[in-house]
Protein backbone atom coordinates (compact mmCIF):
# COMPACT_ATOMS: atom_id res chain seq x y z
CA UNK A 1 -88.73 -166.09 -8.55
CA UNK A 2 -85.32 -166.16 -10.49
CA UNK A 3 -83.51 -167.09 -7.79
CA UNK A 4 -86.17 -169.86 -7.00
CA UNK A 5 -85.85 -171.21 -10.27
CA UNK A 6 -82.26 -171.40 -10.42
CA UNK A 7 -82.13 -173.30 -7.36
CA UNK A 8 -84.89 -175.50 -8.54
CA UNK A 9 -82.30 -175.79 -11.69
CA UNK A 10 -79.59 -176.66 -9.61
CA UNK A 11 -81.15 -179.64 -7.90
CA UNK A 12 -82.38 -180.96 -11.28
CA UNK A 13 -79.36 -181.74 -12.15
CA UNK A 14 -78.41 -183.46 -9.35
CA UNK A 15 -81.42 -185.41 -9.14
CA UNK A 16 -80.52 -185.95 -12.91
CA UNK A 17 -77.29 -187.77 -11.60
CA UNK A 18 -78.87 -190.13 -9.12
CA UNK A 19 -78.03 -193.59 -10.83
CA UNK A 20 -75.75 -192.78 -12.99
CA UNK A 21 -71.95 -194.01 -12.95
CA UNK A 22 -69.91 -190.65 -11.08
CA UNK A 23 -67.42 -189.12 -12.48
CA UNK A 24 -64.27 -190.02 -11.34
CA UNK A 25 -62.09 -187.68 -9.31
CA UNK A 26 -58.88 -186.46 -11.24
CA UNK A 27 -55.78 -187.42 -9.78
CA UNK A 28 -54.03 -184.32 -10.66
CA UNK A 29 -56.82 -182.13 -8.76
CA UNK A 30 -55.13 -179.55 -6.79
CA UNK A 31 -54.91 -176.43 -5.00
CA UNK A 32 -53.86 -173.73 -7.56
CA UNK A 33 -54.59 -170.31 -5.71
CA UNK A 34 -51.93 -168.55 -4.68
CA UNK A 35 -53.04 -166.37 -2.17
CA UNK A 36 -56.05 -167.29 0.43
CA UNK A 37 -57.86 -165.05 2.44
CA UNK A 38 -58.00 -168.26 5.08
CA UNK A 39 -55.39 -170.75 6.25
CA UNK A 40 -53.89 -172.93 3.46
CA UNK A 41 -54.76 -176.73 4.15
CA UNK A 42 -52.69 -178.22 6.75
CA UNK A 43 -49.24 -180.21 4.73
CA UNK A 44 -50.15 -183.09 3.89
CA UNK A 45 -49.95 -185.97 1.20
CA UNK A 46 -52.51 -184.38 -1.16
CA UNK A 47 -54.34 -180.85 -1.47
CA UNK A 48 -57.33 -180.57 -2.95
CA UNK A 49 -59.36 -176.68 -3.86
CA UNK A 50 -61.80 -175.64 -5.73
CA UNK A 51 -64.17 -173.74 -7.85
CA UNK A 52 -63.39 -170.74 -10.18
CA UNK A 53 -64.00 -167.54 -8.52
CA UNK A 54 -67.25 -165.76 -9.29
CA UNK A 55 -66.26 -161.85 -9.85
CA UNK A 56 -68.75 -159.51 -9.12
CA UNK A 57 -67.10 -155.58 -8.89
CA UNK A 58 -66.55 -153.76 -5.62
CA UNK A 59 -68.90 -151.11 -6.68
CA UNK A 60 -71.81 -153.41 -7.27
CA UNK A 61 -73.82 -153.51 -4.14
CA UNK A 62 -77.03 -155.01 -5.44
CA UNK A 63 -78.02 -158.70 -3.73
CA UNK A 64 -80.03 -161.46 -4.63
CA UNK A 65 -79.44 -165.39 -4.11
CA UNK A 66 -76.33 -167.45 -5.33
CA UNK A 67 -75.62 -170.87 -5.82
CA UNK A 68 -71.74 -171.99 -5.88
CA UNK A 69 -71.16 -175.60 -6.86
CA UNK A 70 -67.28 -177.20 -6.32
CA UNK A 71 -66.96 -180.82 -6.97
CA UNK A 72 -64.37 -182.86 -5.16
CA UNK A 73 -63.27 -186.28 -3.68
CA UNK A 74 -64.59 -185.97 0.41
CA UNK A 75 -65.68 -190.00 0.90
CA UNK A 76 -62.30 -191.20 -0.45
CA UNK A 77 -63.86 -194.05 -3.05
CA UNK A 78 -62.35 -191.31 -6.18
CA UNK A 79 -65.12 -190.19 -7.30
CA UNK A 80 -66.07 -186.57 -6.88
CA UNK A 81 -68.85 -185.66 -4.51
CA UNK A 82 -70.98 -181.93 -4.93
CA UNK A 83 -70.44 -179.18 -2.65
CA UNK A 84 -73.40 -176.66 -2.85
CA UNK A 85 -73.58 -173.72 -0.95
CA UNK A 86 -76.78 -171.28 -1.02
CA UNK A 87 -76.09 -167.42 -0.35
CA UNK A 88 -79.17 -165.27 0.15
CA UNK A 89 -78.89 -161.65 0.39
CA UNK A 90 -80.79 -158.41 -0.47
CA UNK A 91 -77.49 -156.31 -0.57
CA UNK A 92 -73.98 -156.35 -0.38
CA UNK A 93 -74.06 -154.39 2.53
CA UNK A 94 -76.48 -156.33 4.68
CA UNK A 95 -75.84 -159.56 6.17
CA UNK A 96 -75.57 -163.05 4.69
CA UNK A 97 -77.16 -166.04 5.45
CA UNK A 98 -75.92 -169.68 3.88
CA UNK A 99 -76.62 -172.87 3.67
CA UNK A 100 -73.60 -175.45 2.31
CA UNK A 101 -74.64 -179.31 1.66
CA UNK A 102 -72.59 -182.39 0.63
CA UNK A 103 -73.85 -184.61 -1.76
CA UNK A 104 -72.77 -187.99 -2.44
CA UNK A 105 -74.62 -189.69 -5.51
CA UNK A 106 -78.48 -189.11 -4.33
CA UNK A 107 -77.63 -188.64 -0.39
CA UNK A 108 -76.96 -185.24 1.45
CA UNK A 109 -74.17 -186.35 4.03
CA UNK A 110 -74.24 -182.89 5.60
CA UNK A 111 -75.65 -179.23 6.21
CA UNK A 112 -74.56 -176.60 8.11
CA UNK A 113 -76.70 -173.08 7.98
CA UNK A 114 -75.55 -169.85 9.25
CA UNK A 115 -77.11 -166.27 9.59
CA UNK A 116 -73.84 -163.83 9.76
CA UNK A 117 -75.41 -161.13 11.64
CA UNK A 118 -73.45 -161.15 14.46
CA UNK A 119 -69.75 -160.58 12.21
CA UNK A 120 -71.56 -158.92 9.17
CA UNK A 121 -69.87 -155.46 10.86
CA UNK A 122 -65.97 -156.93 11.07
CA UNK A 123 -65.60 -157.18 7.31
CA UNK A 124 -64.43 -153.56 7.29
CA UNK A 125 -62.21 -153.99 10.11
CA UNK A 126 -57.99 -154.28 8.50
CA UNK A 127 -57.27 -156.52 11.61
CA UNK A 128 -60.32 -159.22 10.49
CA UNK A 129 -59.28 -160.35 7.12
CA UNK A 130 -56.03 -159.58 5.31
CA UNK A 131 -55.53 -159.23 1.50
CA UNK A 132 -58.32 -156.96 0.91
CA UNK A 133 -59.69 -153.35 1.73
CA UNK A 134 -62.90 -152.76 2.26
CA UNK A 135 -65.92 -154.20 3.66
CA UNK A 136 -67.27 -155.14 0.34
CA UNK A 137 -63.63 -156.51 -1.50
CA UNK A 138 -63.40 -158.63 1.69
CA UNK A 139 -66.61 -159.70 2.27
CA UNK A 140 -66.89 -160.44 -1.15
CA UNK A 141 -63.84 -162.44 -1.48
CA UNK A 142 -64.97 -164.37 1.50
CA UNK A 143 -68.84 -165.42 0.01
CA UNK A 144 -67.80 -165.65 -3.33
CA UNK A 145 -64.46 -167.28 -3.42
CA UNK A 146 -63.36 -168.43 0.35
CA UNK A 147 -65.90 -169.83 1.90
CA UNK A 148 -67.00 -172.81 -0.17
CA UNK A 149 -62.78 -173.52 -0.48
CA UNK A 150 -62.70 -175.15 2.66
CA UNK A 151 -59.17 -177.32 3.37
CA UNK A 152 -59.77 -181.26 1.61
CA UNK A 153 -56.80 -183.59 2.42
CA UNK A 154 -55.63 -187.14 0.92
CA UNK A 155 -53.52 -188.51 3.73
CA UNK A 156 -51.59 -191.96 3.31
CA UNK A 157 -51.01 -194.82 5.81
CA UNK A 158 -48.03 -193.86 7.48
CA UNK A 159 -48.91 -190.28 7.52
CA UNK A 160 -48.00 -189.13 11.56
CA UNK A 161 -51.08 -186.21 11.68
CA UNK A 162 -53.33 -189.18 9.72
CA UNK A 163 -52.60 -191.75 12.81
CA UNK A 164 -53.07 -188.68 15.24
CA UNK A 165 -56.62 -188.12 13.83
CA UNK A 166 -57.59 -191.34 13.92
CA UNK A 167 -56.41 -191.95 17.01
CA UNK A 168 -58.48 -188.43 18.86
CA UNK A 169 -61.34 -189.49 17.24
CA UNK A 170 -61.67 -192.03 20.37
CA UNK A 171 -62.31 -188.14 22.14
CA UNK A 172 -65.70 -187.85 20.58
CA UNK A 173 -66.48 -191.82 20.43
CA UNK A 174 -66.71 -191.19 24.11
CA UNK A 175 -68.69 -187.93 24.12
CA UNK A 176 -72.27 -188.30 25.15
CA UNK A 177 -74.75 -187.86 21.97
CA UNK A 178 -71.42 -189.46 19.53
CA UNK A 179 -71.49 -189.45 16.22
CA UNK A 180 -70.00 -192.70 15.98
CA UNK A 181 -73.04 -194.28 17.67
CA UNK A 182 -76.16 -194.59 19.88
CA UNK A 183 -74.37 -195.70 23.39
CA UNK A 184 -70.68 -195.66 24.44
CA UNK A 185 -70.24 -199.45 23.14
CA UNK A 186 -71.10 -198.88 19.78
CA UNK A 187 -69.69 -195.32 19.66
CA UNK A 188 -66.44 -197.16 20.51
CA UNK A 189 -67.04 -200.01 18.20
CA UNK A 190 -67.45 -197.94 15.38
CA UNK A 191 -64.46 -195.74 15.78
CA UNK A 192 -62.16 -199.00 16.06
CA UNK A 193 -63.92 -200.30 12.73
CA UNK A 194 -63.13 -196.70 11.23
CA UNK A 195 -59.23 -197.48 12.22
CA UNK A 196 -59.10 -200.32 10.89
CA UNK A 197 -60.79 -199.79 7.77
CA UNK A 198 -57.97 -197.07 6.96
CA UNK A 199 -55.55 -199.27 7.95
CA UNK A 200 -54.30 -199.59 4.28
CA UNK A 201 -55.81 -197.52 1.98
CA UNK A 202 -55.72 -193.32 2.38
CA UNK A 203 -58.14 -191.04 4.25
CA UNK A 204 -59.93 -187.96 3.25
CA UNK A 205 -60.30 -185.36 5.64
CA UNK A 206 -61.46 -181.83 5.69
CA UNK A 207 -62.89 -179.09 7.79
CA UNK A 208 -66.05 -177.29 6.30
CA UNK A 209 -65.34 -172.92 7.94
CA UNK A 210 -68.51 -172.26 9.66
CA UNK A 211 -67.48 -168.13 9.89
CA UNK A 212 -64.40 -166.74 9.57
CA UNK A 213 -63.37 -167.15 13.24
CA UNK A 214 -64.75 -170.95 14.06
CA UNK A 215 -64.95 -174.20 12.12
CA UNK A 216 -66.26 -177.92 12.29
CA UNK A 217 -64.34 -180.50 13.66
CA UNK A 218 -62.23 -182.17 11.09
CA UNK A 219 -64.19 -184.88 9.75
CA UNK A 220 -63.29 -188.50 7.60
CA UNK A 221 -66.44 -190.30 6.03
CA UNK A 222 -67.12 -193.88 8.15
CA UNK A 223 -68.26 -195.97 5.49
CA UNK A 224 -70.18 -198.27 7.94
CA UNK A 225 -72.10 -195.48 8.83
CA UNK A 226 -72.66 -193.68 5.70
CA UNK A 227 -71.60 -190.24 7.19
CA UNK A 228 -69.07 -188.16 7.87
CA UNK A 229 -67.89 -187.96 11.72
CA UNK A 230 -65.36 -185.60 13.90
CA UNK A 231 -61.94 -186.28 14.27
CA UNK A 232 -60.24 -183.23 15.72
CA UNK A 233 -60.81 -179.93 16.15
CA UNK A 234 -57.96 -177.33 16.50
């Protein structure tokens, strides 16, 4: 009941901000972490990273639902968006299930869900993660610090990597069931619109790491479609 009440409170806070003037993203918001369990953001014009760590002692194995919040501009409009990560576990010795949401004002722009039962045993493997020394330490670092702290970059016009991402996005526009449109003709037209839209303005892109060994494609916001679209998968 306590965890349900906490989640309800978080949603009430998010809903209470609907229609209000959104808080501008700070120009100096940057990645201050000196060490990362996951690879650092690719080199670019600006890297942004996230939340204060939620500290839980390694000896504490008691579980319970946990909600983490990160505020960062993902749509490129200089206004912070809300990333919410919900962790579900009965004990830190048990596998974790989780959901990650991205909210822009009152709209849900992205959602991913996962059951990490398949990879849970690997947190005790010293070759699976680094900069941690045990199953509990590695597992808590991943879920409480690193999962929500995925790389976010703002790339300025003229950046070579940015041009590569936009060009490669055509591959996703040509795919069946493309995120760019219901037909290939519409998808290619929307891809071309995206390239022209970002021709003279910064583009924010990011990748959500759905598990330690995998991630979504690099994505950026498509204002015309009102959602994130894929650009490139390394």
